[in-house]
């Protein structure tokens, strides 16, 4: 098996330790950190992810709409130019 990161500098391990320490209760420490994250997905995280993705999706739809208008306008001008030469 090919390992892209040595085990001592694994970025997922550091990320998990940071997450574990930031969400730890009074009695919990980060000494039981696992090498790969098992995130606890709470409702706030899911809602913020939904809001972020919906904003991105709406921006993408708006850009596609604008590009569609530009393409229609350009092809309409080309069609008018071709019709006027006949």
N, C-alpha and C. Protein backbone atom coordinates (compact mmCIF):
# COMPACT_ATOMS: atom_id res chain seq x y z
N UNK A 1 0.84 -1.18 0.00
CA UNK A 1 0.00 0.00 0.00
C UNK A 1 0.88 1.25 0.00
N UNK A 2 0.55 2.20 -0.84
CA UNK A 2 1.33 3.43 -0.95
C UNK A 2 0.79 4.45 0.05
N UNK A 3 1.68 5.02 0.82
CA UNK A 3 1.29 6.06 1.77
C UNK A 3 1.84 7.39 1.30
N UNK A 4 0.97 8.37 1.13
CA UNK A 4 1.39 9.68 0.66
C UNK A 4 1.96 10.53 1.78
N UNK A 5 1.58 10.26 3.01
CA UNK A 5 2.06 11.02 4.14
C UNK A 5 2.68 10.07 5.16
N UNK A 6 3.81 10.41 5.72
CA UNK A 6 4.32 9.61 6.84
C UNK A 6 3.35 9.72 8.02
N UNK A 7 3.31 8.69 8.83
CA UNK A 7 2.31 8.65 9.91
C UNK A 7 2.50 9.78 10.92
N UNK A 8 3.72 10.26 11.12
CA UNK A 8 3.92 11.32 12.11
C UNK A 8 3.46 12.68 11.61
N UNK A 9 3.39 12.88 10.29
CA UNK A 9 2.98 14.18 9.77
C UNK A 9 1.67 14.08 8.99
N UNK A 10 0.85 13.14 9.35
CA UNK A 10 -0.42 12.95 8.66
C UNK A 10 -1.34 14.13 8.94
N UNK A 11 -1.77 14.88 7.93
CA UNK A 11 -2.60 16.07 8.20
C UNK A 11 -3.96 15.72 8.79
N UNK A 12 -4.49 14.54 8.46
CA UNK A 12 -5.78 14.14 9.01
C UNK A 12 -5.67 13.92 10.52
N UNK A 13 -4.53 13.44 10.95
CA UNK A 13 -4.34 13.21 12.38
C UNK A 13 -4.34 14.55 13.12
N UNK A 14 -3.66 15.55 12.58
CA UNK A 14 -3.62 16.86 13.22
C UNK A 14 -5.01 17.50 13.20
N UNK A 15 -5.72 17.35 12.10
CA UNK A 15 -7.07 17.90 12.00
C UNK A 15 -8.00 17.24 13.01
N UNK A 16 -7.89 15.93 13.14
CA UNK A 16 -8.74 15.24 14.10
C UNK A 16 -8.41 15.67 15.53
N UNK A 17 -7.14 15.83 15.85
CA UNK A 17 -6.77 16.25 17.21
C UNK A 17 -7.30 17.65 17.50
N UNK A 18 -7.24 18.55 16.50
CA UNK A 18 -7.78 19.90 16.71
C UNK A 18 -9.28 19.84 16.91
N UNK A 19 -9.98 19.05 16.08
CA UNK A 19 -11.43 18.94 16.21
C UNK A 19 -11.81 18.33 17.55
N UNK A 20 -11.10 17.29 17.95
CA UNK A 20 -11.40 16.60 19.20
C UNK A 20 -11.18 17.53 20.39
N UNK A 21 -10.11 18.32 20.36
CA UNK A 21 -9.85 19.21 21.48
C UNK A 21 -10.83 20.38 21.51
N UNK A 22 -11.32 20.80 20.35
CA UNK A 22 -12.25 21.93 20.33
C UNK A 22 -13.66 21.51 20.72
N UNK A 23 -13.98 20.23 20.61
CA UNK A 23 -15.33 19.77 20.96
C UNK A 23 -15.33 18.89 22.20
N UNK A 24 -14.20 18.83 22.90
CA UNK A 24 -14.10 17.94 24.05
C UNK A 24 -14.93 18.45 25.22
N UNK A 25 -15.49 17.52 25.97
CA UNK A 25 -16.21 17.87 27.19
C UNK A 25 -15.20 18.05 28.32
N UNK A 26 -15.71 18.28 29.52
CA UNK A 26 -14.82 18.51 30.67
C UNK A 26 -13.89 17.33 30.91
N UNK A 27 -14.43 16.12 30.90
CA UNK A 27 -13.62 14.95 31.24
C UNK A 27 -12.84 14.37 30.08
N UNK A 28 -13.10 14.84 28.88
CA UNK A 28 -12.44 14.25 27.71
C UNK A 28 -11.16 15.01 27.38
N UNK A 29 -10.20 14.26 26.88
CA UNK A 29 -8.99 14.88 26.36
C UNK A 29 -8.84 14.49 24.90
N UNK A 30 -7.74 14.90 24.32
CA UNK A 30 -7.52 14.52 22.93
C UNK A 30 -6.51 13.39 22.82
N UNK A 31 -6.28 12.68 23.93
CA UNK A 31 -5.30 11.60 23.91
C UNK A 31 -5.82 10.36 23.20
N UNK A 32 -7.13 10.29 22.96
CA UNK A 32 -7.68 9.13 22.27
C UNK A 32 -7.93 9.44 20.80
N UNK A 33 -7.17 10.38 20.24
CA UNK A 33 -7.35 10.76 18.84
C UNK A 33 -6.95 9.60 17.93
N UNK A 34 -7.78 9.37 16.95
CA UNK A 34 -7.52 8.31 15.99
C UNK A 34 -6.75 8.90 14.80
N UNK A 35 -6.08 8.06 14.03
CA UNK A 35 -5.30 8.62 12.92
C UNK A 35 -6.14 9.26 11.82
N UNK A 36 -7.39 8.88 11.69
CA UNK A 36 -8.24 9.48 10.67
C UNK A 36 -9.52 9.98 11.32
N UNK A 37 -10.07 11.07 10.81
CA UNK A 37 -11.18 11.72 11.50
C UNK A 37 -12.48 10.95 11.43
N UNK A 38 -13.20 10.96 12.52
CA UNK A 38 -14.58 10.48 12.53
C UNK A 38 -15.38 11.65 13.09
N UNK A 39 -15.74 12.60 12.20
CA UNK A 39 -16.35 13.84 12.64
C UNK A 39 -17.76 13.61 13.15
N UNK A 40 -18.10 14.36 14.18
CA UNK A 40 -19.48 14.38 14.66
C UNK A 40 -20.20 15.50 13.92
N UNK A 41 -21.11 15.13 13.05
CA UNK A 41 -21.82 16.13 12.26
C UNK A 41 -22.99 16.67 13.07
N UNK A 42 -22.88 17.90 13.51
CA UNK A 42 -23.99 18.48 14.25
C UNK A 42 -24.88 19.28 13.31
N UNK A 43 -26.01 19.71 13.82
CA UNK A 43 -27.01 20.37 12.98
C UNK A 43 -26.50 21.71 12.45
N UNK A 44 -25.77 22.46 13.26
CA UNK A 44 -25.25 23.74 12.81
C UNK A 44 -24.30 23.60 11.63
N UNK A 45 -23.45 22.58 11.70
CA UNK A 45 -22.52 22.33 10.60
C UNK A 45 -23.28 21.96 9.33
N UNK A 46 -24.28 21.10 9.46
CA UNK A 46 -25.05 20.69 8.29
C UNK A 46 -25.82 21.86 7.68
N UNK A 47 -26.38 22.73 8.54
CA UNK A 47 -27.11 23.88 8.02
C UNK A 47 -26.17 24.87 7.33
N UNK A 48 -25.01 25.10 7.90
CA UNK A 48 -24.07 26.03 7.25
C UNK A 48 -23.56 25.45 5.94
N UNK A 49 -23.35 24.14 5.90
CA UNK A 49 -22.94 23.51 4.65
C UNK A 49 -24.04 23.62 3.60
N UNK A 50 -25.29 23.43 4.02
CA UNK A 50 -26.42 23.56 3.10
C UNK A 50 -26.52 24.99 2.56
N UNK A 51 -26.38 25.98 3.45
CA UNK A 51 -26.44 27.38 3.01
C UNK A 51 -25.32 27.71 2.04
N UNK A 52 -24.12 27.23 2.33
CA UNK A 52 -22.99 27.49 1.44
C UNK A 52 -23.20 26.87 0.07
N UNK A 53 -23.64 25.62 0.05
CA UNK A 53 -23.86 24.94 -1.23
C UNK A 53 -25.02 25.55 -2.00
N UNK A 54 -26.07 25.97 -1.29
CA UNK A 54 -27.21 26.56 -2.00
C UNK A 54 -26.83 27.92 -2.59
N UNK A 55 -26.00 28.70 -1.87
CA UNK A 55 -25.52 29.97 -2.44
C UNK A 55 -24.66 29.72 -3.67
N UNK A 56 -23.79 28.73 -3.59
CA UNK A 56 -22.95 28.39 -4.73
C UNK A 56 -23.80 27.94 -5.91
N UNK A 57 -24.83 27.13 -5.65
CA UNK A 57 -25.69 26.62 -6.71
C UNK A 57 -26.49 27.76 -7.34
N UNK A 58 -26.99 28.68 -6.53
CA UNK A 58 -27.75 29.81 -7.08
C UNK A 58 -26.85 30.71 -7.92
N UNK A 59 -25.61 30.92 -7.47
CA UNK A 59 -24.68 31.73 -8.26
C UNK A 59 -24.37 31.04 -9.59
N UNK A 60 -24.22 29.71 -9.54
CA UNK A 60 -23.95 28.97 -10.77
C UNK A 60 -25.13 29.07 -11.74
N UNK A 61 -26.35 28.95 -11.23
CA UNK A 61 -27.53 29.08 -12.09
C UNK A 61 -27.63 30.47 -12.70
N UNK A 62 -27.33 31.49 -11.91
CA UNK A 62 -27.37 32.87 -12.40
C UNK A 62 -26.34 33.08 -13.51
N UNK A 63 -25.13 32.56 -13.31
CA UNK A 63 -24.10 32.69 -14.35
C UNK A 63 -24.49 31.94 -15.61
N UNK A 64 -25.06 30.75 -15.47
CA UNK A 64 -25.51 30.01 -16.66
C UNK A 64 -26.60 30.76 -17.39
N UNK A 65 -27.50 31.40 -16.65
CA UNK A 65 -28.57 32.19 -17.26
C UNK A 65 -27.97 33.36 -18.04
N UNK A 66 -27.01 34.07 -17.43
CA UNK A 66 -26.38 35.19 -18.13
C UNK A 66 -25.62 34.74 -19.37
N UNK A 67 -24.88 33.64 -19.25
CA UNK A 67 -24.17 33.13 -20.42
C UNK A 67 -25.15 32.72 -21.51
N UNK A 68 -26.28 32.14 -21.12
CA UNK A 68 -27.30 31.78 -22.10
C UNK A 68 -27.84 32.99 -22.82
N UNK A 69 -28.08 34.07 -22.08
CA UNK A 69 -28.55 35.30 -22.72
C UNK A 69 -27.52 35.86 -23.70
N UNK A 70 -26.26 35.83 -23.30
CA UNK A 70 -25.20 36.33 -24.18
C UNK A 70 -25.12 35.49 -25.45
N UNK A 71 -25.18 34.18 -25.31
CA UNK A 71 -25.10 33.30 -26.47
C UNK A 71 -26.28 33.52 -27.40
N UNK A 72 -27.48 33.65 -26.84
CA UNK A 72 -28.67 33.90 -27.66
C UNK A 72 -28.53 35.23 -28.39
N UNK A 73 -28.06 36.26 -27.70
CA UNK A 73 -27.91 37.57 -28.33
C UNK A 73 -26.88 37.53 -29.45
N UNK A 74 -25.77 36.85 -29.23
CA UNK A 74 -24.72 36.77 -30.26
C UNK A 74 -25.22 36.02 -31.48
N UNK A 75 -25.87 34.87 -31.26
CA UNK A 75 -26.37 34.11 -32.40
C UNK A 75 -27.49 34.85 -33.13
N UNK A 76 -28.28 35.61 -32.39
CA UNK A 76 -29.33 36.41 -33.03
C UNK A 76 -28.71 37.48 -33.92
N UNK A 77 -27.65 38.12 -33.44
CA UNK A 77 -26.95 39.12 -34.26
C UNK A 77 -26.33 38.49 -35.50
N UNK A 78 -25.73 37.32 -35.34
CA UNK A 78 -25.14 36.63 -36.49
C UNK A 78 -26.22 36.27 -37.50
N UNK A 79 -27.37 35.80 -37.01
CA UNK A 79 -28.47 35.44 -37.91
C UNK A 79 -28.98 36.67 -38.66
N UNK A 80 -29.10 37.79 -37.96
CA UNK A 80 -29.55 39.03 -38.62
C UNK A 80 -28.56 39.49 -39.68
N UNK A 81 -27.26 39.37 -39.38
CA UNK A 81 -26.25 39.76 -40.37
C UNK A 81 -26.33 38.88 -41.61
N UNK A 82 -26.51 37.58 -41.39
CA UNK A 82 -26.60 36.67 -42.53
C UNK A 82 -27.86 36.93 -43.34
N UNK A 83 -28.98 37.22 -42.65
CA UNK A 83 -30.23 37.49 -43.36
C UNK A 83 -30.16 38.80 -44.14
N UNK A 84 -29.44 39.79 -43.62
CA UNK A 84 -29.38 41.08 -44.30
C UNK A 84 -28.51 41.03 -45.56
N UNK A 85 -27.63 40.05 -45.66
CA UNK A 85 -26.77 39.93 -46.85
C UNK A 85 -27.48 39.24 -48.00
N UNK A 86 -28.60 38.61 -47.75
CA UNK A 86 -29.32 37.89 -48.82
C UNK A 86 -30.09 38.82 -49.68
